[in-house]
């Protein structure tokens, strides 16, 4: 029971300290922004590959669609 109260008080003090603007700015500047930059830097090539593959699939699908329309129009005439 004492451990539960101690943990609760510790978490409460920790959250109040983090909510202070100067501490929050330090956490954002020194922890969050570098992590986001690092993740973006590492995932950028994969994101680029996915975008290129998506564009290729859309292009091939459009070409296929127009070929099917052309074949269908030739058979109706």
Protein backbone atom coordinates (compact mmCIF):
# COMPACT_ATOMS: atom_id res chain seq x y z
CA UNK A 1 0.00 0.00 0.00
CA UNK A 2 2.86 2.36 0.80
CA UNK A 3 4.48 1.58 -2.55
CA UNK A 4 1.25 2.38 -4.36
CA UNK A 5 0.97 5.79 -2.65
CA UNK A 6 4.65 6.52 -3.30
CA UNK A 7 4.28 5.64 -6.98
CA UNK A 8 1.16 7.75 -7.27
CA UNK A 9 2.85 10.76 -5.70
CA UNK A 10 5.94 10.29 -7.84
CA UNK A 11 3.89 10.16 -11.02
CA UNK A 12 1.90 13.22 -9.98
CA UNK A 13 5.06 15.25 -9.32
CA UNK A 14 6.60 14.01 -12.56
CA UNK A 15 3.58 15.07 -14.62
CA UNK A 16 3.41 18.49 -12.97
CA UNK A 17 7.11 19.05 -13.72
CA UNK A 18 6.69 18.00 -17.34
CA UNK A 19 3.70 20.29 -17.82
CA UNK A 20 5.77 23.37 -16.97
CA UNK A 21 6.51 25.27 -20.19
CA UNK A 22 10.30 25.40 -19.84
CA UNK A 23 10.53 21.66 -19.14
CA UNK A 24 8.12 20.82 -21.93
CA UNK A 25 10.15 22.94 -24.36
CA UNK A 26 13.35 21.14 -23.33
CA UNK A 27 11.72 17.74 -23.84
CA UNK A 28 10.35 18.80 -27.21
CA UNK A 29 13.66 20.30 -28.36
CA UNK A 30 16.04 17.62 -27.09
CA UNK A 31 13.93 14.46 -27.26
CA UNK A 32 10.92 14.61 -29.56
CA UNK A 33 12.29 16.61 -32.50
CA UNK A 34 15.46 14.51 -32.88
CA UNK A 35 13.42 11.30 -32.71
CA UNK A 36 11.00 12.55 -35.38
CA UNK A 37 13.89 13.73 -37.57
CA UNK A 38 15.69 10.39 -37.20
CA UNK A 39 12.56 8.38 -37.99
CA UNK A 40 11.80 10.56 -41.02
CA UNK A 41 15.39 10.26 -42.23
CA UNK A 42 15.35 6.46 -41.92
CA UNK A 43 11.89 5.91 -43.45
CA UNK A 44 12.24 8.36 -46.34
CA UNK A 45 13.71 5.86 -48.85
CA UNK A 46 10.97 3.33 -48.13
CA UNK A 47 8.29 5.99 -48.42
CA UNK A 48 9.76 7.08 -51.75
CA UNK A 49 9.76 3.50 -53.04
CA UNK A 50 6.12 3.02 -52.02
CA UNK A 51 5.09 6.26 -53.77
CA UNK A 52 6.94 5.30 -56.95
CA UNK A 53 5.41 1.81 -56.95
CA UNK A 54 1.96 3.29 -56.42
CA UNK A 55 2.45 5.64 -59.36
CA UNK A 56 3.60 2.75 -61.56
CA UNK A 57 0.57 0.66 -60.58
CA UNK A 58 -1.79 3.55 -61.33
CA UNK A 59 -0.12 4.16 -64.69
CA UNK A 60 -0.29 0.49 -65.68
CA UNK A 61 -3.93 0.33 -64.58
CA UNK A 62 -4.82 3.37 -66.70
CA UNK A 63 -3.04 1.92 -69.73
CA UNK A 64 -4.86 -1.36 -69.22
CA UNK A 65 -8.19 0.46 -68.91
CA UNK A 66 -7.68 2.36 -72.17
CA UNK A 67 -6.58 -0.79 -73.99
CA UNK A 68 -9.73 -2.58 -72.79
CA UNK A 69 -11.90 0.32 -73.92
CA UNK A 70 -10.23 0.33 -77.35
CA UNK A 71 -10.71 -3.45 -77.74
CA UNK A 72 -14.32 -3.20 -76.61
CA UNK A 73 -15.06 -0.38 -79.09
CA UNK A 74 -13.50 -2.32 -81.97
CA UNK A 75 -15.67 -5.36 -81.28
CA UNK A 76 -18.89 -3.32 -81.16
CA UNK A 77 -18.31 -1.88 -84.64
